[in-house]
């Protein structure tokens, strides 16, 4: 279900939107352009969160905080939680 939102823009931002949509551009309407901009921002935020998680995991590995996979994800996670409670 689509929802609408009203925005107040500076003249500079409105001109930027107008330059990036319409005839001869990738986007037919300002709405298409703005949805794409918002999706891209969402992807960047999600990618940053993923990078932070990878860096955190790498830090755990370098500090020896890891558990050998037992073949069962639940068992391995339970082992990791147990070790974490004990301070590794």
C-alpha atoms as a PDB file:
ATOM      1  CA  UNK A   1       0.000   0.000   0.000  1.00  0.00           C
ATOM      2  CA  UNK A   2       1.441   3.341  -1.042  1.00  0.00           C
ATOM      3  CA  UNK A   3       1.576   6.260   1.295  1.00  0.00           C
ATOM      4  CA  UNK A   4       2.241   9.902   0.545  1.00  0.00           C
ATOM      5  CA  UNK A   5       4.295  12.529   2.253  1.00  0.00           C
ATOM      6  CA  UNK A   6       4.508  16.265   1.710  1.00  0.00           C
ATOM      7  CA  UNK A   7       7.936  17.875   1.741  1.00  0.00           C
ATOM      8  CA  UNK A   8       9.060  21.449   1.934  1.00  0.00           C
ATOM      9  CA  UNK A   9      12.183  21.922  -0.148  1.00  0.00           C
ATOM     10  CA  UNK A  10      14.579  24.735  -0.726  1.00  0.00           C
ATOM     11  CA  UNK A  11      14.680  26.090  -4.253  1.00  0.00           C
ATOM     12  CA  UNK A  12      18.130  24.501  -4.663  1.00  0.00           C
ATOM     13  CA  UNK A  13      16.833  21.033  -3.748  1.00  0.00           C
ATOM     14  CA  UNK A  14      13.786  21.396  -5.978  1.00  0.00           C
ATOM     15  CA  UNK A  15      16.029  22.355  -8.912  1.00  0.00           C
ATOM     16  CA  UNK A  16      18.254  19.358  -8.190  1.00  0.00           C
ATOM     17  CA  UNK A  17      15.238  17.041  -8.318  1.00  0.00           C
ATOM     18  CA  UNK A  18      13.973  18.665 -11.498  1.00  0.00           C
ATOM     19  CA  UNK A  19      17.382  18.214 -13.174  1.00  0.00           C
ATOM     20  CA  UNK A  20      17.330  14.499 -12.369  1.00  0.00           C
ATOM     21  CA  UNK A  21      13.880  13.545 -13.557  1.00  0.00           C
ATOM     22  CA  UNK A  22      11.687  14.092 -16.554  1.00  0.00           C
ATOM     23  CA  UNK A  23      12.419  13.875 -20.243  1.00  0.00           C
ATOM     24  CA  UNK A  24      15.901  12.602 -21.080  1.00  0.00           C
ATOM     25  CA  UNK A  25      16.586  11.245 -17.596  1.00  0.00           C
ATOM     26  CA  UNK A  26      16.379   7.866 -15.903  1.00  0.00           C
ATOM     27  CA  UNK A  27      13.323   8.894 -13.869  1.00  0.00           C
ATOM     28  CA  UNK A  28      10.004   9.991 -15.340  1.00  0.00           C
ATOM     29  CA  UNK A  29       8.781  11.730 -12.193  1.00  0.00           C
ATOM     30  CA  UNK A  30      10.115  13.399  -9.073  1.00  0.00           C
ATOM     31  CA  UNK A  31       8.492  10.605  -7.031  1.00  0.00           C
ATOM     32  CA  UNK A  32      10.476   7.928  -8.880  1.00  0.00           C
ATOM     33  CA  UNK A  33      13.689   9.869  -8.362  1.00  0.00           C
ATOM     34  CA  UNK A  34      13.086  10.445  -4.650  1.00  0.00           C
ATOM     35  CA  UNK A  35      12.109   6.804  -4.045  1.00  0.00           C
ATOM     36  CA  UNK A  36      15.374   5.748  -5.677  1.00  0.00           C
ATOM     37  CA  UNK A  37      17.369   8.202  -3.532  1.00  0.00           C
ATOM     38  CA  UNK A  38      15.688   6.893  -0.379  1.00  0.00           C
ATOM     39  CA  UNK A  39      16.273   3.250  -1.366  1.00  0.00           C
ATOM     40  CA  UNK A  40      19.951   3.989  -1.999  1.00  0.00           C
ATOM     41  CA  UNK A  41      20.283   5.650   1.421  1.00  0.00           C
ATOM     42  CA  UNK A  42      18.577   2.616   3.009  1.00  0.00           C
ATOM     43  CA  UNK A  43      21.017   0.271   1.227  1.00  0.00           C
ATOM     44  CA  UNK A  44      23.977   2.327   2.471  1.00  0.00           C
ATOM     45  CA  UNK A  45      22.727   2.214   6.069  1.00  0.00           C
ATOM     46  CA  UNK A  46      22.182  -1.553   5.849  1.00  0.00           C
ATOM     47  CA  UNK A  47      25.623  -2.071   4.270  1.00  0.00           C
ATOM     48  CA  UNK A  48      27.250  -0.017   7.041  1.00  0.00           C
ATOM     49  CA  UNK A  49      25.521  -2.169   9.673  1.00  0.00           C
ATOM     50  CA  UNK A  50      26.728  -5.308   7.917  1.00  0.00           C
ATOM     51  CA  UNK A  51      30.308  -3.949   7.730  1.00  0.00           C
ATOM     52  CA  UNK A  52      30.179  -3.127  11.451  1.00  0.00           C
ATOM     53  CA  UNK A  53      29.052  -6.688  12.195  1.00  0.00           C
ATOM     54  CA  UNK A  54      31.853  -8.156  10.078  1.00  0.00           C
ATOM     55  CA  UNK A  55      34.420  -5.955  11.841  1.00  0.00           C
ATOM     56  CA  UNK A  56      33.001  -6.992  15.227  1.00  0.00           C
ATOM     57  CA  UNK A  57      33.217 -10.662  14.203  1.00  0.00           C
ATOM     58  CA  UNK A  58      36.787 -10.199  13.003  1.00  0.00           C
ATOM     59  CA  UNK A  59      37.638  -8.647  16.360  1.00  0.00           C
ATOM     60  CA  UNK A  60      36.165 -11.684  18.115  1.00  0.00           C
ATOM     61  CA  UNK A  61      38.286 -14.013  15.990  1.00  0.00           C
ATOM     62  CA  UNK A  62      41.500 -12.081  16.631  1.00  0.00           C
ATOM     63  CA  UNK A  63      40.793 -12.233  20.378  1.00  0.00           C
ATOM     64  CA  UNK A  64      40.120 -15.965  20.280  1.00  0.00           C
ATOM     65  CA  UNK A  65      36.397 -15.647  20.940  1.00  0.00           C
ATOM     66  CA  UNK A  66      35.178 -18.353  18.608  1.00  0.00           C
ATOM     67  CA  UNK A  67      33.519 -21.731  18.719  1.00  0.00           C
ATOM     68  CA  UNK A  68      34.131 -24.568  16.300  1.00  0.00           C
ATOM     69  CA  UNK A  69      30.948 -25.388  14.405  1.00  0.00           C
ATOM     70  CA  UNK A  70      29.521 -28.632  15.768  1.00  0.00           C
ATOM     71  CA  UNK A  71      27.160 -29.318  12.878  1.00  0.00           C
ATOM     72  CA  UNK A  72      24.262 -27.801  14.790  1.00  0.00           C
ATOM     73  CA  UNK A  73      23.865 -24.041  14.746  1.00  0.00           C
ATOM     74  CA  UNK A  74      21.796 -24.124  17.941  1.00  0.00           C
ATOM     75  CA  UNK A  75      24.455 -26.099  19.797  1.00  0.00           C
ATOM     76  CA  UNK A  76      27.251 -23.874  18.555  1.00  0.00           C
ATOM     77  CA  UNK A  77      25.344 -20.735  19.551  1.00  0.00           C
ATOM     78  CA  UNK A  78      24.589 -22.208  22.969  1.00  0.00           C
ATOM     79  CA  UNK A  79      28.301 -22.966  23.424  1.00  0.00           C
ATOM     80  CA  UNK A  80      29.241 -19.433  22.394  1.00  0.00           C
ATOM     81  CA  UNK A  81      26.725 -17.937  24.825  1.00  0.00           C
ATOM     82  CA  UNK A  82      27.991 -20.173  27.607  1.00  0.00           C
ATOM     83  CA  UNK A  83      31.599 -19.137  26.971  1.00  0.00           C
ATOM     84  CA  UNK A  84      30.606 -15.489  26.780  1.00  0.00           C
ATOM     85  CA  UNK A  85      28.930 -15.690  30.196  1.00  0.00           C
ATOM     86  CA  UNK A  86      32.151 -17.197  31.592  1.00  0.00           C
ATOM     87  CA  UNK A  87      34.252 -14.429  30.033  1.00  0.00           C
ATOM     88  CA  UNK A  88      35.744 -16.678  27.339  1.00  0.00           C
END
